[in-house]
Amino acid sequence: MAAVITIPKELSKEGDLIVMPRSKYEEFLKLIKRFGQREWEEKDTDEAIRIFKKEKKEKKLIKIRSLTDLG
């Protein structure tokens, strides 16, 4: 006889439910975490590029030939 599982209505109110092996679920969580990190990195990079373009347009950036030019 097949196992029967009863799912409370409170859990199914939000939409469809899925069942998956724990190992696959843990892989899924890792992917979500990596994707979230990548999204943050992309936003950070986009902000850095925006600032660079703005400062370049305002001629706030300087060109140096060596580190001694900084002093």
N, C-alpha and C. Protein backbone atom coordinates (compact mmCIF):
# COMPACT_ATOMS: atom_id res chain seq x y z
N MET A 1 0.85 -1.18 0.00
CA MET A 1 0.00 0.00 0.00
C MET A 1 0.89 1.24 0.00
N ALA A 2 0.52 2.23 -0.76
CA ALA A 2 1.27 3.48 -0.85
C ALA A 2 1.05 4.33 0.39
N ALA A 3 2.08 5.10 0.74
CA ALA A 3 1.96 6.00 1.89
C ALA A 3 1.08 7.18 1.52
N VAL A 4 0.25 7.59 2.45
CA VAL A 4 -0.64 8.72 2.24
C VAL A 4 -0.23 9.83 3.21
N ILE A 5 -0.09 11.03 2.65
CA ILE A 5 0.28 12.19 3.47
C ILE A 5 -0.85 13.20 3.38
N THR A 6 -1.27 13.71 4.52
CA THR A 6 -2.29 14.74 4.55
C THR A 6 -1.60 16.08 4.79
N ILE A 7 -1.89 17.03 3.93
CA ILE A 7 -1.28 18.36 4.03
C ILE A 7 -2.33 19.32 4.58
N PRO A 8 -2.01 19.99 5.69
CA PRO A 8 -2.97 20.94 6.26
C PRO A 8 -3.31 22.06 5.28
N LYS A 9 -4.53 22.52 5.32
CA LYS A 9 -4.97 23.59 4.41
C LYS A 9 -4.17 24.87 4.60
N GLU A 10 -3.69 25.13 5.84
CA GLU A 10 -2.93 26.35 6.10
C GLU A 10 -1.66 26.40 5.25
N LEU A 11 -1.05 25.24 5.00
CA LEU A 11 0.18 25.19 4.21
C LEU A 11 -0.09 25.38 2.72
N SER A 12 -1.25 24.96 2.27
CA SER A 12 -1.52 25.03 0.84
C SER A 12 -2.24 26.32 0.42
N LYS A 13 -2.50 27.21 1.37
CA LYS A 13 -3.19 28.47 1.03
C LYS A 13 -2.34 29.37 0.14
N GLU A 14 -1.02 29.27 0.26
CA GLU A 14 -0.13 30.16 -0.50
C GLU A 14 0.09 29.70 -1.93
N GLY A 15 -0.35 28.52 -2.28
CA GLY A 15 -0.19 28.04 -3.65
C GLY A 15 0.26 26.60 -3.70
N ASP A 16 0.86 26.23 -4.82
CA ASP A 16 1.28 24.85 -5.03
C ASP A 16 2.40 24.46 -4.07
N LEU A 17 2.40 23.20 -3.70
CA LEU A 17 3.45 22.63 -2.86
C LEU A 17 4.21 21.59 -3.66
N ILE A 18 5.48 21.41 -3.34
CA ILE A 18 6.27 20.39 -4.02
C ILE A 18 6.94 19.50 -2.97
N VAL A 19 7.31 18.31 -3.40
CA VAL A 19 8.04 17.38 -2.55
C VAL A 19 9.31 17.02 -3.30
N MET A 20 10.46 17.12 -2.63
CA MET A 20 11.73 16.79 -3.27
C MET A 20 12.68 16.20 -2.24
N PRO A 21 13.66 15.46 -2.68
CA PRO A 21 14.64 14.91 -1.74
C PRO A 21 15.42 16.03 -1.06
N ARG A 22 15.82 15.79 0.17
CA ARG A 22 16.54 16.80 0.95
C ARG A 22 17.82 17.25 0.26
N SER A 23 18.55 16.34 -0.36
CA SER A 23 19.80 16.70 -1.02
C SER A 23 19.54 17.71 -2.15
N LYS A 24 18.49 17.50 -2.91
CA LYS A 24 18.14 18.44 -3.99
C LYS A 24 17.71 19.79 -3.41
N TYR A 25 16.99 19.76 -2.31
CA TYR A 25 16.56 20.99 -1.65
C TYR A 25 17.77 21.79 -1.18
N GLU A 26 18.76 21.11 -0.60
CA GLU A 26 19.96 21.80 -0.13
C GLU A 26 20.74 22.39 -1.30
N GLU A 27 20.80 21.69 -2.43
CA GLU A 27 21.44 22.24 -3.63
C GLU A 27 20.70 23.50 -4.08
N PHE A 28 19.38 23.43 -4.05
CA PHE A 28 18.55 24.56 -4.44
C PHE A 28 18.84 25.78 -3.56
N LEU A 29 18.96 25.57 -2.25
CA LEU A 29 19.25 26.67 -1.33
C LEU A 29 20.61 27.28 -1.63
N LYS A 30 21.59 26.44 -1.95
CA LYS A 30 22.93 26.95 -2.29
C LYS A 30 22.88 27.81 -3.54
N LEU A 31 22.12 27.37 -4.53
CA LEU A 31 22.00 28.15 -5.77
C LEU A 31 21.34 29.50 -5.51
N ILE A 32 20.32 29.50 -4.68
CA ILE A 32 19.64 30.75 -4.35
C ILE A 32 20.61 31.70 -3.65
N LYS A 33 21.40 31.17 -2.74
CA LYS A 33 22.36 32.00 -2.02
C LYS A 33 23.40 32.58 -2.98
N ARG A 34 23.91 31.75 -3.90
CA ARG A 34 24.89 32.25 -4.86
C ARG A 34 24.29 33.28 -5.79
N PHE A 35 23.05 33.07 -6.22
CA PHE A 35 22.39 34.02 -7.10
C PHE A 35 22.19 35.35 -6.40
N GLY A 36 21.78 35.31 -5.14
CA GLY A 36 21.60 36.54 -4.37
C GLY A 36 22.90 37.30 -4.23
N GLN A 37 24.00 36.60 -4.01
CA GLN A 37 25.32 37.23 -3.91
C GLN A 37 25.69 37.87 -5.24
N ARG A 38 25.42 37.16 -6.32
CA ARG A 38 25.76 37.70 -7.65
C ARG A 38 24.95 38.94 -7.96
N GLU A 39 23.69 38.93 -7.57
CA GLU A 39 22.84 40.11 -7.80
C GLU A 39 23.40 41.31 -7.05
N TRP A 40 23.84 41.10 -5.80
CA TRP A 40 24.43 42.18 -5.02
C TRP A 40 25.70 42.68 -5.69
N GLU A 41 26.53 41.77 -6.18
CA GLU A 41 27.77 42.17 -6.85
C GLU A 41 27.48 42.96 -8.11
N GLU A 42 26.45 42.57 -8.87
CA GLU A 42 26.10 43.30 -10.08
C GLU A 42 25.63 44.71 -9.75
N LYS A 43 24.83 44.85 -8.70
CA LYS A 43 24.37 46.18 -8.30
C LYS A 43 25.55 47.04 -7.88
N ASP A 44 26.49 46.46 -7.14
CA ASP A 44 27.67 47.17 -6.69
C ASP A 44 28.52 47.61 -7.88
N THR A 45 28.68 46.73 -8.86
CA THR A 45 29.46 47.05 -10.05
C THR A 45 28.76 48.14 -10.86
N ASP A 46 27.46 48.04 -11.01
CA ASP A 46 26.72 49.06 -11.74
C ASP A 46 26.88 50.43 -11.08
N GLU A 47 26.84 50.47 -9.76
CA GLU A 47 27.02 51.73 -9.02
C GLU A 47 28.42 52.29 -9.24
N ALA A 48 29.44 51.43 -9.21
CA ALA A 48 30.82 51.87 -9.42
C ALA A 48 30.99 52.44 -10.83
N ILE A 49 30.40 51.81 -11.82
CA ILE A 49 30.49 52.30 -13.20
C ILE A 49 29.78 53.64 -13.33
N ARG A 50 28.63 53.77 -12.68
CA ARG A 50 27.89 55.04 -12.74
C ARG A 50 28.72 56.18 -12.14
N ILE A 51 29.36 55.92 -11.00
CA ILE A 51 30.19 56.93 -10.34
C ILE A 51 31.38 57.28 -11.22
N PHE A 52 32.02 56.26 -11.82
CA PHE A 52 33.17 56.50 -12.69
C PHE A 52 32.78 57.40 -13.86
N LYS A 53 31.68 57.08 -14.52
CA LYS A 53 31.26 57.88 -15.67
C LYS A 53 30.95 59.32 -15.27
N LYS A 54 30.31 59.48 -14.12
CA LYS A 54 29.96 60.82 -13.64
C LYS A 54 31.22 61.63 -13.35
N GLU A 55 32.18 61.03 -12.64
CA GLU A 55 33.41 61.74 -12.29
C GLU A 55 34.28 61.99 -13.51
N LYS A 56 34.25 61.08 -14.47
CA LYS A 56 35.01 61.30 -15.71
C LYS A 56 34.43 62.49 -16.47
N LYS A 57 33.11 62.57 -16.53
CA LYS A 57 32.45 63.67 -17.23
C LYS A 57 32.75 65.00 -16.55
N GLU A 58 32.82 65.00 -15.21
CA GLU A 58 33.11 66.21 -14.45
C GLU A 58 34.61 66.50 -14.36
N LYS A 59 35.43 65.67 -15.02
CA LYS A 59 36.88 65.80 -15.05
C LYS A 59 37.50 65.79 -13.66
N LYS A 60 36.96 64.96 -12.78
CA LYS A 60 37.50 64.80 -11.43
C LYS A 60 38.58 63.73 -11.37
N LEU A 61 38.69 62.93 -12.43
CA LEU A 61 39.68 61.85 -12.45
C LEU A 61 41.01 62.38 -12.98
N ILE A 62 42.09 61.87 -12.42
CA ILE A 62 43.41 62.26 -12.88
C ILE A 62 44.13 61.03 -13.41
N LYS A 63 45.04 61.25 -14.37
CA LYS A 63 45.83 60.16 -14.91
C LYS A 63 47.22 60.24 -14.29
N ILE A 64 47.73 59.11 -13.88
CA ILE A 64 49.08 59.07 -13.33
C ILE A 64 49.90 58.05 -14.11
N ARG A 65 51.21 58.29 -14.16
CA ARG A 65 52.10 57.37 -14.87
C ARG A 65 52.78 56.41 -13.91
N SER A 66 52.92 56.82 -12.66
CA SER A 66 53.51 55.94 -11.66
C SER A 66 52.96 56.34 -10.29
N LEU A 67 53.22 55.53 -9.30
CA LEU A 67 52.71 55.81 -7.96
C LEU A 67 53.38 57.06 -7.36
N THR A 68 54.53 57.43 -7.85
CA THR A 68 55.18 58.64 -7.34
C THR A 68 54.42 59.90 -7.73
N ASP A 69 53.62 59.82 -8.78
CA ASP A 69 52.80 60.97 -9.20
C ASP A 69 51.72 61.29 -8.17
N LEU A 70 51.38 60.34 -7.31
CA LEU A 70 50.35 60.58 -6.31
C LEU A 70 50.83 61.53 -5.21
N GLY A 71 52.13 61.52 -4.91
CA GLY A 71 52.68 62.30 -3.81
C GLY A 71 52.88 63.70 -4.16
